[in-house]
Protein backbone atom coordinates (compact mmCIF):
# COMPACT_ATOMS: atom_id res chain seq x y z
CA MET A 1 -14.27 -29.75 -3.38
CA THR A 2 -16.34 -27.27 -2.10
CA GLU A 3 -17.88 -23.87 -3.41
CA VAL A 4 -17.16 -20.95 -1.01
CA ILE A 5 -17.32 -17.20 -0.68
CA GLY A 6 -14.40 -15.74 1.67
CA VAL A 7 -15.53 -13.04 4.36
CA LYS A 8 -14.53 -10.61 6.65
CA PHE A 9 -16.04 -8.60 9.23
CA ARG A 10 -13.42 -6.11 9.96
CA THR A 11 -10.58 -3.90 8.08
CA ALA A 12 -7.89 -6.29 8.83
CA GLY A 13 -9.57 -9.52 9.97
CA LYS A 14 -9.49 -13.17 9.04
CA VAL A 15 -11.53 -13.99 5.90
CA TYR A 16 -13.78 -17.16 6.51
CA TYR A 17 -15.63 -19.36 3.99
CA PHE A 18 -18.94 -19.58 4.07
CA SER A 19 -21.33 -21.20 1.18
CA PRO A 20 -22.91 -19.02 -1.75
CA LYS A 21 -26.00 -21.19 -1.59
CA GLY A 22 -25.49 -21.14 -5.61
CA MET A 23 -25.75 -16.91 -5.41
CA SER A 24 -22.62 -15.80 -7.47
CA PHE A 25 -20.68 -13.11 -5.36
CA SER A 26 -18.06 -10.40 -6.50
CA ARG A 27 -15.50 -9.15 -4.50
CA GLY A 28 -15.80 -5.43 -3.08
CA GLU A 29 -19.72 -6.65 -2.22
CA TYR A 30 -21.17 -7.14 1.06
CA ALA A 31 -22.97 -10.02 2.19
CA ILE A 32 -25.70 -10.88 5.64
CA VAL A 33 -24.71 -14.14 6.79
CA GLU A 34 -24.92 -16.51 10.12
CA THR A 35 -22.36 -16.48 12.40
CA SER A 36 -21.34 -18.30 15.60
CA ARG A 37 -21.74 -14.85 17.41
CA GLY A 38 -25.10 -13.76 15.32
CA VAL A 39 -26.08 -12.33 12.10
CA GLU A 40 -23.29 -10.64 11.09
CA TYR A 41 -22.84 -7.57 8.25
CA GLY A 42 -19.39 -8.93 6.00
CA GLU A 43 -17.38 -8.03 2.90
CA VAL A 44 -16.79 -9.96 0.28
CA LEU A 45 -12.90 -10.61 -0.55
CA LEU A 46 -12.61 -14.73 -2.02
CA GLU A 47 -15.29 -14.28 -5.18
CA ASN A 48 -17.29 -17.87 -5.45
CA GLU A 49 -13.90 -20.77 -5.72
CA GLU A 50 -13.52 -24.48 -4.83
CA VAL A 51 -11.36 -24.78 -2.30
CA PRO A 52 -10.30 -28.40 -1.11
CA ASP A 53 -12.23 -30.20 1.66
CA GLU A 54 -9.17 -30.07 4.14
CA LYS A 55 -9.53 -26.39 4.76
CA ILE A 56 -13.01 -26.09 5.29
CA VAL A 57 -13.50 -25.65 8.77
CA ALA A 58 -17.13 -27.57 9.39
CA PRO A 59 -19.74 -27.07 9.85
CA LEU A 60 -19.69 -24.51 6.78
CA LYS A 61 -22.50 -21.89 7.81
CA GLU A 62 -24.53 -20.59 4.52
CA ILE A 63 -24.54 -16.82 3.60
CA LEU A 64 -28.35 -15.40 3.90
CA ARG A 65 -28.69 -13.22 1.44
CA LYS A 66 -26.79 -10.31 -0.62
CA ALA A 67 -26.25 -7.13 2.00
CA THR A 68 -28.86 -4.70 0.70
CA GLU A 69 -28.91 -0.70 1.04
CA GLU A 70 -30.87 -0.90 4.29
CA ASP A 71 -28.96 -2.76 5.03
CA LYS A 72 -25.70 -0.62 4.94
CA ALA A 73 -27.99 2.46 6.68
CA GLN A 74 -28.32 -0.42 9.53
CA TYR A 75 -24.90 -1.14 9.84
CA GLU A 76 -24.10 2.35 10.05
CA ALA A 77 -26.78 3.03 12.68
CA ASN A 78 -25.01 0.62 14.75
CA HIS A 79 -22.02 1.88 14.33
CA LYS A 80 -23.99 5.45 15.85
CA LEU A 81 -25.03 2.79 19.08
CA GLU A 82 -21.87 1.43 19.74
CA LYS A 83 -20.34 5.05 20.25
CA GLU A 84 -23.67 5.48 22.76
CA ALA A 85 -23.11 2.07 24.34
CA TYR A 86 -19.61 2.90 25.15
CA ALA A 87 -20.20 6.46 26.78
CA VAL A 88 -22.73 4.70 29.17
CA CYS A 89 -20.18 1.92 29.74
CA GLN A 90 -16.93 4.16 30.68
CA LYS A 91 -19.69 6.01 32.50
CA LYS A 92 -20.25 2.69 34.61
CA ILE A 93 -17.41 1.15 35.16
CA GLN A 94 -17.05 4.36 37.36
CA GLU A 95 -19.12 3.86 39.16
CA HIS A 96 -18.52 -0.13 40.08
CA GLY A 97 -14.73 1.15 40.69
CA LEU A 98 -13.03 -1.45 38.47
CA ALA A 99 -10.09 -1.71 37.17
CA MET A 100 -10.07 -2.08 33.37
CA LYS A 101 -9.67 -0.09 30.03
CA LEU A 102 -12.67 -0.25 27.77
CA ILE A 103 -11.64 -0.40 23.92
CA GLU A 104 -14.37 -0.52 21.78
CA VAL A 105 -17.70 -1.73 22.02
CA GLU A 106 -19.04 -3.98 19.16
CA TYR A 107 -22.35 -4.86 18.42
CA THR A 108 -23.85 -7.73 15.86
CA PHE A 109 -25.61 -6.75 12.62
CA ASP A 110 -28.93 -7.98 14.18
CA LYS A 111 -28.13 -5.88 17.58
CA GLY A 112 -28.77 -10.07 19.40
CA LYS A 113 -25.19 -8.88 21.13
CA ALA A 114 -22.99 -5.79 22.28
CA LEU A 115 -19.51 -6.89 22.56
CA PHE A 116 -17.22 -5.00 24.83
CA TYR A 117 -13.35 -4.87 24.54
CA PHE A 118 -11.16 -4.29 27.68
CA THR A 119 -7.82 -4.35 29.55
CA ALA A 120 -7.14 -5.40 33.07
CA GLU A 121 -4.45 -6.73 35.32
CA GLY A 122 -5.31 -10.00 36.18
CA ARG A 123 -8.92 -11.08 36.28
CA GLY A 124 -11.74 -9.63 37.98
CA ASP A 125 -15.47 -9.38 38.67
CA PHE A 126 -17.61 -7.91 36.03
CA ARG A 127 -20.76 -9.49 37.01
CA ALA A 128 -22.34 -6.82 38.60
CA LEU A 129 -21.31 -4.54 35.63
CA VAL A 130 -22.80 -6.81 33.06
CA LYS A 131 -26.20 -6.49 35.12
CA ASP A 132 -26.44 -3.15 34.43
CA LEU A 133 -25.30 -2.96 30.87
CA ALA A 134 -27.72 -5.81 30.51
CA SER A 135 -30.91 -3.84 31.30
CA ILE A 136 -30.21 -0.99 29.59
CA PHE A 137 -29.13 -1.96 26.08
CA ARG A 138 -31.89 -5.20 26.60
CA THR A 139 -29.42 -7.61 24.64
CA ARG A 140 -26.61 -9.98 25.41
CA ILE A 141 -23.96 -8.97 26.61
CA GLU A 142 -20.35 -9.81 26.36
CA LEU A 143 -17.10 -8.25 28.02
CA ARG A 144 -13.60 -9.56 26.25
CA GLN A 145 -10.56 -9.22 27.85
CA VAL A 146 -7.71 -8.55 25.42
CA GLY A 147 -4.08 -8.29 25.41
CA VAL A 148 -1.90 -5.10 24.61
CA ARG A 149 -1.36 -6.25 21.01
CA ASP A 150 -5.29 -6.66 20.67
CA GLU A 151 -5.94 -3.47 22.05
CA THR A 152 -3.44 -1.80 19.39
CA LYS A 153 -5.20 -4.29 16.83
CA LEU A 154 -8.68 -2.76 17.43
CA LEU A 155 -7.84 1.19 17.82
CA GLY A 156 -4.86 1.19 15.41
CA GLY A 157 -2.56 4.05 15.01
CA TYR A 158 0.74 5.12 13.24
CA GLY A 159 4.68 3.32 13.57
CA VAL A 160 7.88 4.81 13.51
CA CYS A 161 7.63 3.89 9.92
CA GLY A 162 4.69 6.96 9.36
CA ARG A 163 2.69 4.35 8.06
CA PRO A 164 -0.84 2.80 9.78
CA LEU A 165 0.26 0.06 12.10
CA CYS A 166 0.85 -3.80 10.33
CA CYS A 167 -1.92 -4.78 12.76
CA HIS A 168 -4.84 -2.69 11.92
CA SER A 169 -4.39 -2.43 7.88
CA TYR A 170 -4.13 -5.50 6.75
CA LEU A 171 -2.31 -8.43 9.41
CA SER A 172 -5.43 -10.76 9.73
CA GLU A 173 -3.36 -12.68 12.34
CA PHE A 174 0.32 -11.74 15.11
CA ALA A 175 2.58 -13.92 14.30
CA PRO A 176 5.47 -14.71 16.53
CA VAL A 177 8.09 -12.60 16.73
CA SER A 178 11.52 -12.93 18.44
CA ILE A 179 14.60 -11.40 19.35
CA LYS A 180 16.65 -13.51 17.24
CA MET A 181 15.41 -11.71 14.14
CA ALA A 182 16.49 -8.08 15.66
CA LYS A 183 19.97 -9.80 15.99
CA ASP A 184 19.77 -11.22 12.42
CA GLN A 185 19.07 -7.95 10.73
CA GLY A 186 21.29 -6.32 12.59
CA LEU A 187 19.20 -3.65 14.59
CA SER A 188 20.02 -2.35 17.88
CA LEU A 189 18.60 -4.56 20.63
CA ASN A 190 17.62 -1.39 22.55
CA PRO A 191 13.60 -1.87 23.36
CA SER A 192 12.68 1.59 22.31
CA SER A 193 14.04 0.95 18.98
CA ILE A 194 12.45 -2.64 18.16
CA SER A 195 8.83 -2.43 19.89
CA GLY A 196 5.61 -1.10 18.24
CA VAL A 197 2.86 0.34 19.69
CA CYS A 198 1.89 -1.88 21.60
CA GLY A 199 5.23 -2.07 23.79
CA ARG A 200 5.65 -5.82 21.81
CA LEU A 201 8.27 -6.58 19.52
CA MET A 202 7.25 -4.75 15.70
CA CYS A 203 5.72 -7.25 14.12
CA CYS A 204 7.49 -6.12 10.64
CA LEU A 205 10.72 -7.97 12.36
CA LYS A 206 8.70 -10.96 10.77
CA ASN A 207 8.35 -9.42 7.52
CA GLU A 208 11.56 -9.66 6.61
CA GLU A 209 13.05 -12.29 8.08
CA GLU A 210 13.41 -14.64 5.69
CA VAL A 211 15.43 -12.02 3.39
CA TYR A 212 17.90 -11.76 6.31
CA HIS A 213 18.19 -15.63 6.43
CA PHE A 214 19.14 -16.03 3.39
CA LEU A 215 21.97 -13.20 3.25
CA ASN A 216 22.99 -14.06 6.34
CA SER A 217 23.78 -17.50 5.41
CA LYS A 218 26.05 -16.01 2.53
CA LEU A 219 28.41 -14.31 5.15
CA PRO A 220 30.88 -15.43 7.59
CA ALA A 221 30.15 -14.94 11.02
CA LEU A 222 31.43 -12.39 13.97
CA GLY A 223 34.85 -13.85 15.12
CA ASP A 224 35.40 -16.38 11.86
CA PHE A 225 39.14 -16.35 10.29
CA VAL A 226 38.71 -15.76 6.37
CA THR A 227 41.53 -15.81 3.57
CA THR A 228 41.16 -12.69 1.41
CA LYS A 229 41.57 -12.46 -2.99
CA GLU A 230 45.39 -11.88 -1.59
CA GLY A 231 45.54 -14.58 0.18
CA LEU A 232 45.87 -12.71 3.62
CA LYS A 233 44.29 -14.01 6.96
CA GLY A 234 41.60 -11.83 8.69
CA GLU A 235 39.41 -11.98 11.70
CA VAL A 236 35.85 -10.20 10.92
CA VAL A 237 34.39 -7.88 12.73
CA SER A 238 32.03 -6.42 10.94
CA VAL A 239 29.40 -7.81 8.17
CA SER A 240 26.91 -5.35 6.19
CA VAL A 241 23.81 -7.58 5.50
CA LEU A 242 21.98 -6.25 3.28
CA ASN A 243 25.59 -4.62 1.01
CA GLN A 244 26.91 -8.15 1.70
CA ARG A 245 30.72 -6.35 2.87
CA VAL A 246 32.40 -7.72 5.07
CA LYS A 247 34.72 -5.82 7.53
CA LEU A 248 38.13 -7.64 8.77
CA VAL A 249 41.38 -6.98 11.07
CA VAL A 250 43.83 -8.77 8.37
CA ASN A 251 47.51 -9.86 9.14
CA LEU A 252 49.90 -8.19 6.69
CA GLU A 253 53.39 -10.00 5.47
CA LYS A 254 55.32 -8.03 7.82
CA GLU A 255 55.65 -9.59 11.89
CA ASP A 256 53.18 -7.76 14.05
CA GLU A 257 51.13 -5.51 11.69
CA LYS A 258 47.60 -5.72 11.09
CA GLU A 259 44.86 -3.50 9.12
CA LEU A 260 41.15 -2.84 8.99
CA ARG A 261 39.86 -3.25 5.69
CA GLU A 262 36.66 -3.87 3.97
CA TYR A 263 35.91 -6.64 1.31
CA ALA A 264 32.82 -7.87 -1.24
CA VAL A 265 31.97 -11.26 -0.03
CA SER A 266 32.57 -12.76 -3.29
CA GLU A 267 35.97 -11.56 -2.53
CA LEU A 268 36.69 -14.00 0.11
CA LYS A 269 37.00 -17.30 1.03
CA PHE A 270 35.78 -19.03 4.03
CA LYS A 271 33.91 -21.93 5.27
CA PRO A 272 29.47 -21.34 4.41
CA ARG A 273 27.51 -21.26 7.46
CA ARG A 274 25.12 -24.01 8.41
CA LYS A 275 21.60 -23.32 8.68
CA MET A 276 21.79 -24.74 11.79
CA ASP A 277 24.04 -22.05 13.09
CA LEU A 278 21.63 -19.19 11.42
CA GLU A 279 18.37 -20.72 13.68
């Protein structure tokens, strides 16, 4: 077991472990740490805690110190510089006629590096742009190309639910999302109905996957034949997953007569769906 604290650097960023170096931290405090990118200013989310060694990515870096008010002022000053750098980079992109979209600029805390996040179709030659930016800002320049989901995570916004985007507010990593999740939840497969701001399948489809998987396992599949509480045979034509109700076309005792009826799943007899049928 090793004592660590957990630090994040973005609103919905990953939490990284650092050695507290004998210092005690509380959640919500800020710390100055050494990262692979340089010196950074981060928020403590995980207080001093011992974790299994296998959960630690070696080598475990140490905290440099607790952040001071001067550090906070420096961090805020860096944000102002980032806005200025963004405007300068936009101008340089136009001058070079580059087919790229600048998303965000980020300075490390010690201003040892400036990162420029952008999207572009394919890969281009941005060496001239990097050279210009380095001569202007007198620091190391890194251009980092990101995808549309990362672009949305950086910029933020609101989903069709009216709430802030999950990826920008709390999701530290993107989970795989498939069209099957939308099918299992009985949603319209119209792309505009199940796609997020980024144009990809909505991350929230993953949030409810486990619940719908469990509820679907208790329901018959469309087209299955079941027996009602009255002993009638019927074919399943629709199911309400959340309400656990099933609509059937039942065969009445009179010859060639059928009727549409609705039942609670508890009122039906059928062979439970196998796990592999749901996967």
